[in-house]
Amino acid sequence: MKTTKRIRKFFPLDFYGEDRGWRFVIRAYNAAEVFDALMWRSYLSVRRQDFNLLHLAIETFQYVNDYSEGRIAEVAGSHGTLMRVKMLGPVVEVSALNQAYLDKKLLEENLSSVA
């Protein structure tokens, strides 16, 4: 008796990142993009201002962020009470981030060669 093995579908894989309470998702569509997705998640968790993720996003996801007294500087008027804020996070493809990186480097090279 021959058994057929079911092939599991793992992709797309979503890698969640966070920078100071702001969350985002990096999506990998194949095995070759997994390492890049992990690299982008760690890079953007530290330097998210380098790329406009909302412009590169293919979709968004909703999440609830809790603001407490420890983060009172971020939300004025909380006075120590717990506030729940609904937010939207971007879902960005690895290929879009790679292309944005190449475009940024090309622009920097063009600007430096002109000067």
C-alpha atoms as a PDB file:
ATOM      1  CA  MET A   1       0.000   0.000   0.000  1.00  0.00           C
ATOM      2  CA  LYS A   2       1.465   3.290  -1.096  1.00  0.00           C
ATOM      3  CA  THR A   3       0.760   6.329   1.018  1.00  0.00           C
ATOM      4  CA  THR A   4       0.740   9.762  -0.446  1.00  0.00           C
ATOM      5  CA  LYS A   5       2.477  12.446   1.483  1.00  0.00           C
ATOM      6  CA  ARG A   6       0.652  15.714   1.799  1.00  0.00           C
ATOM      7  CA  ILE A   7       2.718  18.730   0.958  1.00  0.00           C
ATOM      8  CA  ARG A   8       2.213  21.528   3.417  1.00  0.00           C
ATOM      9  CA  LYS A   9       1.958  25.032   2.180  1.00  0.00           C
ATOM     10  CA  PHE A  10       4.116  27.268   4.375  1.00  0.00           C
ATOM     11  CA  PHE A  11       4.219  30.361   2.219  1.00  0.00           C
ATOM     12  CA  PRO A  12       3.638  33.239   2.424  1.00  0.00           C
ATOM     13  CA  LEU A  13       5.391  33.633   5.781  1.00  0.00           C
ATOM     14  CA  ASP A  14       4.807  36.770   7.829  1.00  0.00           C
ATOM     15  CA  PHE A  15       7.518  38.141  10.118  1.00  0.00           C
ATOM     16  CA  TYR A  16       6.228  40.628  12.673  1.00  0.00           C
ATOM     17  CA  GLY A  17       8.415  43.502  13.832  1.00  0.00           C
ATOM     18  CA  GLU A  18       7.961  46.369  16.254  1.00  0.00           C
ATOM     19  CA  ASP A  19       9.602  49.723  16.828  1.00  0.00           C
ATOM     20  CA  ARG A  20       8.462  51.693  19.892  1.00  0.00           C
ATOM     21  CA  GLY A  21       4.930  50.305  19.799  1.00  0.00           C
ATOM     22  CA  TRP A  22       4.542  50.623  16.033  1.00  0.00           C
ATOM     23  CA  ARG A  23       4.131  47.192  14.406  1.00  0.00           C
ATOM     24  CA  PHE A  24       4.716  46.010  10.864  1.00  0.00           C
ATOM     25  CA  VAL A  25       4.855  42.755   8.870  1.00  0.00           C
ATOM     26  CA  ILE A  26       7.485  41.635   6.373  1.00  0.00           C
ATOM     27  CA  ARG A  27       6.087  38.971   4.013  1.00  0.00           C
ATOM     28  CA  ALA A  28       8.221  36.295   2.320  1.00  0.00           C
ATOM     29  CA  TYR A  29       6.712  34.357  -0.591  1.00  0.00           C
ATOM     30  CA  ASN A  30       9.396  31.678  -1.019  1.00  0.00           C
ATOM     31  CA  ALA A  31      12.337  30.079   0.770  1.00  0.00           C
ATOM     32  CA  ALA A  32      14.855  32.401  -0.898  1.00  0.00           C
ATOM     33  CA  GLU A  33      13.186  35.437   0.723  1.00  0.00           C
ATOM     34  CA  VAL A  34      13.117  34.127   4.315  1.00  0.00           C
ATOM     35  CA  PHE A  35      16.627  35.276   5.238  1.00  0.00           C
ATOM     36  CA  ASP A  36      15.984  38.684   3.656  1.00  0.00           C
ATOM     37  CA  ALA A  37      12.736  38.991   5.613  1.00  0.00           C
ATOM     38  CA  LEU A  38      14.533  38.288   8.885  1.00  0.00           C
ATOM     39  CA  MET A  39      17.198  40.850   8.011  1.00  0.00           C
ATOM     40  CA  TRP A  40      14.612  43.491   7.096  1.00  0.00           C
ATOM     41  CA  ARG A  41      12.627  42.855  10.272  1.00  0.00           C
ATOM     42  CA  SER A  42      15.665  43.432  12.470  1.00  0.00           C
ATOM     43  CA  TYR A  43      16.822  46.462  10.440  1.00  0.00           C
ATOM     44  CA  LEU A  44      13.415  48.158  10.429  1.00  0.00           C
ATOM     45  CA  SER A  45      12.884  47.472  14.127  1.00  0.00           C
ATOM     46  CA  VAL A  46      15.791  49.840  14.738  1.00  0.00           C
ATOM     47  CA  ARG A  47      15.609  52.238  11.771  1.00  0.00           C
ATOM     48  CA  ARG A  48      12.066  52.252  10.443  1.00  0.00           C
ATOM     49  CA  GLN A  49      12.334  55.923   9.378  1.00  0.00           C
ATOM     50  CA  ASP A  50      14.731  54.960   6.560  1.00  0.00           C
ATOM     51  CA  PHE A  51      11.864  53.587   4.441  1.00  0.00           C
ATOM     52  CA  ASN A  52       8.246  54.657   4.059  1.00  0.00           C
ATOM     53  CA  LEU A  53       6.554  51.345   4.836  1.00  0.00           C
ATOM     54  CA  LEU A  54       3.058  52.766   4.374  1.00  0.00           C
ATOM     55  CA  HIS A  55       3.960  53.660   0.783  1.00  0.00           C
ATOM     56  CA  LEU A  56       5.391  50.172   0.138  1.00  0.00           C
ATOM     57  CA  ALA A  57       2.557  48.281   1.876  1.00  0.00           C
ATOM     58  CA  ILE A  58       0.385  45.857  -0.074  1.00  0.00           C
ATOM     59  CA  GLU A  59      -2.179  45.642   2.735  1.00  0.00           C
ATOM     60  CA  THR A  60      -2.643  46.497   6.407  1.00  0.00           C
ATOM     61  CA  PHE A  61      -3.516  44.610   9.564  1.00  0.00           C
ATOM     62  CA  GLN A  62      -5.309  45.927  12.633  1.00  0.00           C
ATOM     63  CA  TYR A  63      -4.014  45.645  16.195  1.00  0.00           C
ATOM     64  CA  VAL A  64      -4.729  47.182  19.582  1.00  0.00           C
ATOM     65  CA  ASN A  65      -1.988  49.043  21.426  1.00  0.00           C
ATOM     66  CA  ASP A  66      -2.197  49.587  25.189  1.00  0.00           C
ATOM     67  CA  TYR A  67      -0.832  52.890  26.439  1.00  0.00           C
ATOM     68  CA  SER A  68      -0.182  53.029  30.174  1.00  0.00           C
ATOM     69  CA  GLU A  69       1.284  55.553  32.600  1.00  0.00           C
ATOM     70  CA  GLY A  70       4.823  54.579  31.620  1.00  0.00           C
ATOM     71  CA  ARG A  71       4.235  55.884  28.106  1.00  0.00           C
ATOM     72  CA  ILE A  72       2.376  59.040  29.090  1.00  0.00           C
ATOM     73  CA  ALA A  73       4.612  61.205  26.907  1.00  0.00           C
ATOM     74  CA  GLU A  74       3.258  59.484  23.792  1.00  0.00           C
ATOM     75  CA  VAL A  75      -0.430  60.023  24.589  1.00  0.00           C
ATOM     76  CA  ALA A  76      -1.329  63.302  26.243  1.00  0.00           C
ATOM     77  CA  GLY A  77      -4.118  63.342  28.791  1.00  0.00           C
ATOM     78  CA  SER A  78      -4.017  59.709  29.896  1.00  0.00           C
ATOM     79  CA  HIS A  79      -3.309  60.559  33.593  1.00  0.00           C
ATOM     80  CA  GLY A  80      -2.229  57.032  34.466  1.00  0.00           C
ATOM     81  CA  THR A  81      -5.264  55.274  33.043  1.00  0.00           C
ATOM     82  CA  LEU A  82      -4.925  52.472  30.537  1.00  0.00           C
ATOM     83  CA  MET A  83      -5.854  53.539  27.020  1.00  0.00           C
ATOM     84  CA  ARG A  84      -6.497  51.110  24.187  1.00  0.00           C
ATOM     85  CA  VAL A  85      -5.768  52.521  20.762  1.00  0.00           C
ATOM     86  CA  LYS A  86      -6.685  50.727  17.536  1.00  0.00           C
ATOM     87  CA  MET A  87      -3.896  51.015  14.993  1.00  0.00           C
ATOM     88  CA  LEU A  88      -3.098  49.785  11.492  1.00  0.00           C
ATOM     89  CA  GLY A  89       0.217  48.204  10.623  1.00  0.00           C
ATOM     90  CA  PRO A  90       1.604  47.812   7.093  1.00  0.00           C
ATOM     91  CA  VAL A  91       2.305  44.474   5.390  1.00  0.00           C
ATOM     92  CA  VAL A  92       5.336  44.854   3.105  1.00  0.00           C
ATOM     93  CA  GLU A  93       6.795  42.340   0.656  1.00  0.00           C
ATOM     94  CA  VAL A  94      10.501  41.503   0.760  1.00  0.00           C
ATOM     95  CA  SER A  95      10.836  42.229  -2.953  1.00  0.00           C
ATOM     96  CA  ALA A  96       9.411  45.742  -2.474  1.00  0.00           C
ATOM     97  CA  LEU A  97      11.912  46.462   0.298  1.00  0.00           C
ATOM     98  CA  ASN A  98      14.812  45.129  -1.775  1.00  0.00           C
ATOM     99  CA  GLN A  99      13.755  47.323  -4.714  1.00  0.00           C
ATOM    100  CA  ALA A 100      13.357  50.383  -2.462  1.00  0.00           C
ATOM    101  CA  TYR A 101      16.851  49.769  -1.086  1.00  0.00           C
ATOM    102  CA  LEU A 102      18.345  49.545  -4.592  1.00  0.00           C
ATOM    103  CA  ASP A 103      16.515  52.713  -5.664  1.00  0.00           C
ATOM    104  CA  LYS A 104      17.773  54.560  -2.595  1.00  0.00           C
ATOM    105  CA  LYS A 105      21.387  53.481  -3.228  1.00  0.00           C
ATOM    106  CA  LEU A 106      21.142  54.454  -6.908  1.00  0.00           C
ATOM    107  CA  LEU A 107      19.786  57.888  -5.972  1.00  0.00           C
ATOM    108  CA  GLU A 108      22.596  58.399  -3.455  1.00  0.00           C
ATOM    109  CA  GLU A 109      25.203  57.431  -6.077  1.00  0.00           C
ATOM    110  CA  ASN A 110      23.695  59.810  -8.627  1.00  0.00           C
ATOM    111  CA  LEU A 111      23.656  62.670  -6.135  1.00  0.00           C
ATOM    112  CA  SER A 112      27.243  62.034  -5.056  1.00  0.00           C
ATOM    113  CA  SER A 113      28.490  61.862  -8.665  1.00  0.00           C
ATOM    114  CA  VAL A 114      26.830  65.187  -9.515  1.00  0.00           C
ATOM    115  CA  ALA A 115      28.384  67.020  -6.565  1.00  0.00           C
END
